[in-house]
Amino acid sequence: MSVVKAEQHKTELDIFLCRHEGGLQAVRTWLYARQARINTEWIGLSGDDLIRMQGEARNVAKMIRLIDIGPALTEGGN
């Protein structure tokens, strides 16, 4: 695993291990609210605006997964 990926894994693992703390739970709640808002807003969009909204939705989902499930990277590197 490269140094960058090892550092990313460590950071993601640190976030996951703090998932029960109040501040991170507040961020998780905010992320779910943002995801719900995106789901109502994207319908009327097209072109670059739609692409940006899809990217934001993807990032929000990725952060929720990190908090709920854990790091996407494994120590073995993927």
N, C-alpha and C. Protein backbone atom coordinates (compact mmCIF):
# COMPACT_ATOMS: atom_id res chain seq x y z
N MET A 1 0.85 -1.17 0.00
CA MET A 1 0.00 0.00 0.00
C MET A 1 0.90 1.23 0.00
N SER A 2 0.60 2.18 -0.86
CA SER A 2 1.40 3.39 -0.92
C SER A 2 1.21 4.19 0.36
N VAL A 3 2.14 5.12 0.57
CA VAL A 3 2.09 5.96 1.77
C VAL A 3 0.79 6.77 1.80
N VAL A 4 0.38 7.32 0.66
CA VAL A 4 -0.84 8.12 0.59
C VAL A 4 -2.06 7.27 0.94
N LYS A 5 -2.15 6.08 0.37
CA LYS A 5 -3.29 5.21 0.67
C LYS A 5 -3.27 4.75 2.11
N ALA A 6 -2.09 4.50 2.66
CA ALA A 6 -1.98 4.10 4.06
C ALA A 6 -2.47 5.22 4.97
N GLU A 7 -2.09 6.46 4.65
CA GLU A 7 -2.54 7.60 5.44
C GLU A 7 -4.05 7.79 5.30
N GLN A 8 -4.58 7.62 4.09
CA GLN A 8 -6.01 7.74 3.86
C GLN A 8 -6.76 6.68 4.66
N HIS A 9 -6.26 5.45 4.64
CA HIS A 9 -6.90 4.37 5.40
C HIS A 9 -6.91 4.69 6.89
N LYS A 10 -5.79 5.18 7.40
CA LYS A 10 -5.70 5.51 8.83
C LYS A 10 -6.71 6.61 9.17
N THR A 11 -6.79 7.63 8.34
CA THR A 11 -7.73 8.72 8.60
C THR A 11 -9.17 8.22 8.56
N GLU A 12 -9.50 7.41 7.54
CA GLU A 12 -10.85 6.87 7.44
C GLU A 12 -11.17 5.96 8.63
N LEU A 13 -10.21 5.19 9.06
CA LEU A 13 -10.42 4.31 10.22
C LEU A 13 -10.64 5.13 11.48
N ASP A 14 -9.87 6.22 11.64
CA ASP A 14 -10.06 7.10 12.79
C ASP A 14 -11.47 7.68 12.81
N ILE A 15 -11.97 8.09 11.65
CA ILE A 15 -13.33 8.63 11.56
C ILE A 15 -14.34 7.55 11.95
N PHE A 16 -14.17 6.35 11.40
CA PHE A 16 -15.09 5.25 11.69
C PHE A 16 -15.10 4.91 13.18
N LEU A 17 -13.93 4.91 13.81
CA LEU A 17 -13.84 4.55 15.22
C LEU A 17 -14.49 5.60 16.11
N CYS A 18 -14.66 6.82 15.61
CA CYS A 18 -15.31 7.90 16.38
C CYS A 18 -16.79 8.01 16.07
N ARG A 19 -17.35 7.05 15.37
CA ARG A 19 -18.72 7.14 14.86
C ARG A 19 -19.78 7.30 15.94
N HIS A 20 -19.48 6.94 17.17
CA HIS A 20 -20.48 7.04 18.25
C HIS A 20 -20.42 8.37 18.98
N GLU A 21 -19.45 9.21 18.64
CA GLU A 21 -19.32 10.50 19.31
C GLU A 21 -20.40 11.46 18.81
N GLY A 22 -20.81 12.35 19.68
CA GLY A 22 -21.90 13.28 19.38
C GLY A 22 -21.68 14.14 18.16
N GLY A 23 -20.48 14.67 18.01
CA GLY A 23 -20.20 15.54 16.86
C GLY A 23 -20.31 14.80 15.55
N LEU A 24 -19.78 13.60 15.50
CA LEU A 24 -19.85 12.82 14.26
C LEU A 24 -21.28 12.36 13.98
N GLN A 25 -22.05 12.09 15.01
CA GLN A 25 -23.46 11.74 14.81
C GLN A 25 -24.24 12.94 14.28
N ALA A 26 -23.86 14.15 14.71
CA ALA A 26 -24.49 15.36 14.18
C ALA A 26 -24.15 15.54 12.70
N VAL A 27 -22.92 15.27 12.33
CA VAL A 27 -22.52 15.33 10.93
C VAL A 27 -23.29 14.29 10.12
N ARG A 28 -23.44 13.09 10.66
CA ARG A 28 -24.18 12.03 9.99
C ARG A 28 -25.63 12.44 9.75
N THR A 29 -26.25 13.03 10.76
CA THR A 29 -27.62 13.52 10.62
C THR A 29 -27.70 14.58 9.54
N TRP A 30 -26.73 15.48 9.53
CA TRP A 30 -26.69 16.53 8.52
C TRP A 30 -26.53 15.93 7.12
N LEU A 31 -25.68 14.92 7.00
CA LEU A 31 -25.47 14.27 5.70
C LEU A 31 -26.75 13.63 5.19
N TYR A 32 -27.49 12.96 6.07
CA TYR A 32 -28.76 12.36 5.65
C TYR A 32 -29.77 13.44 5.23
N ALA A 33 -29.77 14.57 5.93
CA ALA A 33 -30.66 15.66 5.54
C ALA A 33 -30.24 16.23 4.18
N ARG A 34 -28.95 16.35 3.96
CA ARG A 34 -28.45 16.86 2.67
C ARG A 34 -28.81 15.88 1.55
N GLN A 35 -28.68 14.59 1.82
CA GLN A 35 -29.02 13.58 0.83
C GLN A 35 -30.52 13.67 0.47
N ALA A 36 -31.37 13.86 1.46
CA ALA A 36 -32.80 14.00 1.20
C ALA A 36 -33.08 15.25 0.37
N ARG A 37 -32.39 16.33 0.67
CA ARG A 37 -32.59 17.56 -0.10
C ARG A 37 -32.12 17.39 -1.55
N ILE A 38 -30.98 16.75 -1.75
CA ILE A 38 -30.48 16.49 -3.10
C ILE A 38 -31.50 15.68 -3.88
N ASN A 39 -32.10 14.70 -3.21
CA ASN A 39 -33.08 13.83 -3.87
C ASN A 39 -34.32 14.58 -4.34
N THR A 40 -34.61 15.73 -3.71
CA THR A 40 -35.76 16.52 -4.16
C THR A 40 -35.37 17.58 -5.19
N GLU A 41 -34.09 17.96 -5.22
CA GLU A 41 -33.64 19.05 -6.09
C GLU A 41 -33.18 18.60 -7.47
N TRP A 42 -32.66 17.41 -7.61
CA TRP A 42 -32.02 17.02 -8.87
C TRP A 42 -33.01 16.86 -10.01
N ILE A 43 -34.27 16.65 -9.71
CA ILE A 43 -35.27 16.34 -10.72
C ILE A 43 -35.36 17.41 -11.81
N GLY A 44 -35.28 18.69 -11.44
CA GLY A 44 -35.42 19.76 -12.42
C GLY A 44 -34.13 20.20 -13.05
N LEU A 45 -33.03 19.53 -12.78
CA LEU A 45 -31.73 19.96 -13.28
C LEU A 45 -31.36 19.24 -14.57
N SER A 46 -30.44 19.88 -15.30
CA SER A 46 -29.89 19.26 -16.51
C SER A 46 -28.48 19.80 -16.73
N GLY A 47 -27.77 19.15 -17.61
CA GLY A 47 -26.43 19.61 -17.98
C GLY A 47 -25.44 19.59 -16.83
N ASP A 48 -24.63 20.66 -16.76
CA ASP A 48 -23.58 20.74 -15.74
C ASP A 48 -24.14 20.77 -14.33
N ASP A 49 -25.30 21.40 -14.15
CA ASP A 49 -25.90 21.45 -12.81
C ASP A 49 -26.26 20.04 -12.32
N LEU A 50 -26.79 19.23 -13.22
CA LEU A 50 -27.13 17.85 -12.86
C LEU A 50 -25.87 17.04 -12.54
N ILE A 51 -24.84 17.23 -13.33
CA ILE A 51 -23.58 16.52 -13.10
C ILE A 51 -22.98 16.91 -11.75
N ARG A 52 -23.01 18.20 -11.42
CA ARG A 52 -22.51 18.66 -10.12
C ARG A 52 -23.32 18.05 -8.98
N MET A 53 -24.63 18.03 -9.13
CA MET A 53 -25.49 17.48 -8.09
C MET A 53 -25.24 15.97 -7.93
N GLN A 54 -25.01 15.27 -9.02
CA GLN A 54 -24.70 13.84 -8.94
C GLN A 54 -23.38 13.62 -8.20
N GLY A 55 -22.40 14.47 -8.48
CA GLY A 55 -21.12 14.36 -7.78
C GLY A 55 -21.26 14.62 -6.30
N GLU A 56 -22.07 15.61 -5.95
CA GLU A 56 -22.31 15.89 -4.54
C GLU A 56 -23.03 14.73 -3.87
N ALA A 57 -24.03 14.17 -4.55
CA ALA A 57 -24.76 13.03 -4.00
C ALA A 57 -23.83 11.85 -3.78
N ARG A 58 -22.92 11.62 -4.72
CA ARG A 58 -21.95 10.53 -4.59
C ARG A 58 -21.05 10.74 -3.38
N ASN A 59 -20.59 11.98 -3.18
CA ASN A 59 -19.72 12.27 -2.04
C ASN A 59 -20.45 12.15 -0.72
N VAL A 60 -21.69 12.60 -0.66
CA VAL A 60 -22.48 12.47 0.56
C VAL A 60 -22.67 10.99 0.90
N ALA A 61 -23.02 10.19 -0.10
CA ALA A 61 -23.21 8.75 0.12
C ALA A 61 -21.91 8.10 0.59
N LYS A 62 -20.79 8.53 0.03
CA LYS A 62 -19.49 7.98 0.41
C LYS A 62 -19.17 8.31 1.87
N MET A 63 -19.48 9.53 2.30
CA MET A 63 -19.23 9.92 3.69
C MET A 63 -20.14 9.17 4.66
N ILE A 64 -21.39 8.98 4.27
CA ILE A 64 -22.31 8.22 5.12
C ILE A 64 -21.81 6.78 5.26
N ARG A 65 -21.38 6.18 4.14
CA ARG A 65 -20.83 4.81 4.19
C ARG A 65 -19.61 4.74 5.10
N LEU A 66 -18.75 5.76 5.04
CA LEU A 66 -17.55 5.78 5.87
C LEU A 66 -17.93 5.76 7.35
N ILE A 67 -18.91 6.56 7.73
CA ILE A 67 -19.33 6.62 9.13
C ILE A 67 -20.03 5.33 9.54
N ASP A 68 -20.91 4.80 8.70
CA ASP A 68 -21.71 3.63 9.07
C ASP A 68 -21.01 2.29 8.89
N ILE A 69 -20.21 2.16 7.84
CA ILE A 69 -19.64 0.86 7.49
C ILE A 69 -18.13 0.77 7.71
N GLY A 70 -17.44 1.88 7.48
CA GLY A 70 -15.99 1.89 7.69
C GLY A 70 -15.25 2.25 6.42
N PRO A 71 -13.92 2.24 6.49
CA PRO A 71 -13.09 2.65 5.36
C PRO A 71 -13.31 1.80 4.12
N ALA A 72 -13.25 2.47 2.96
CA ALA A 72 -13.36 1.75 1.69
C ALA A 72 -12.03 1.04 1.39
N LEU A 73 -10.94 1.65 1.80
CA LEU A 73 -9.63 1.04 1.59
C LEU A 73 -9.36 0.03 2.70
N THR A 74 -8.70 -1.04 2.35
CA THR A 74 -8.28 -2.01 3.35
C THR A 74 -6.81 -1.84 3.59
N GLU A 75 -6.32 -2.40 4.66
CA GLU A 75 -4.90 -2.29 4.96
C GLU A 75 -4.06 -2.97 3.91
N GLY A 76 -4.59 -3.99 3.27
CA GLY A 76 -3.87 -4.67 2.21
C GLY A 76 -3.78 -3.85 0.95
N GLY A 77 -4.64 -2.83 0.85
CA GLY A 77 -4.62 -1.93 -0.31
C GLY A 77 -5.53 -2.40 -1.41
N ASN A 78 -6.51 -1.57 -1.76
CA ASN A 78 -7.36 -1.83 -2.91
C ASN A 78 -7.77 -0.54 -3.54
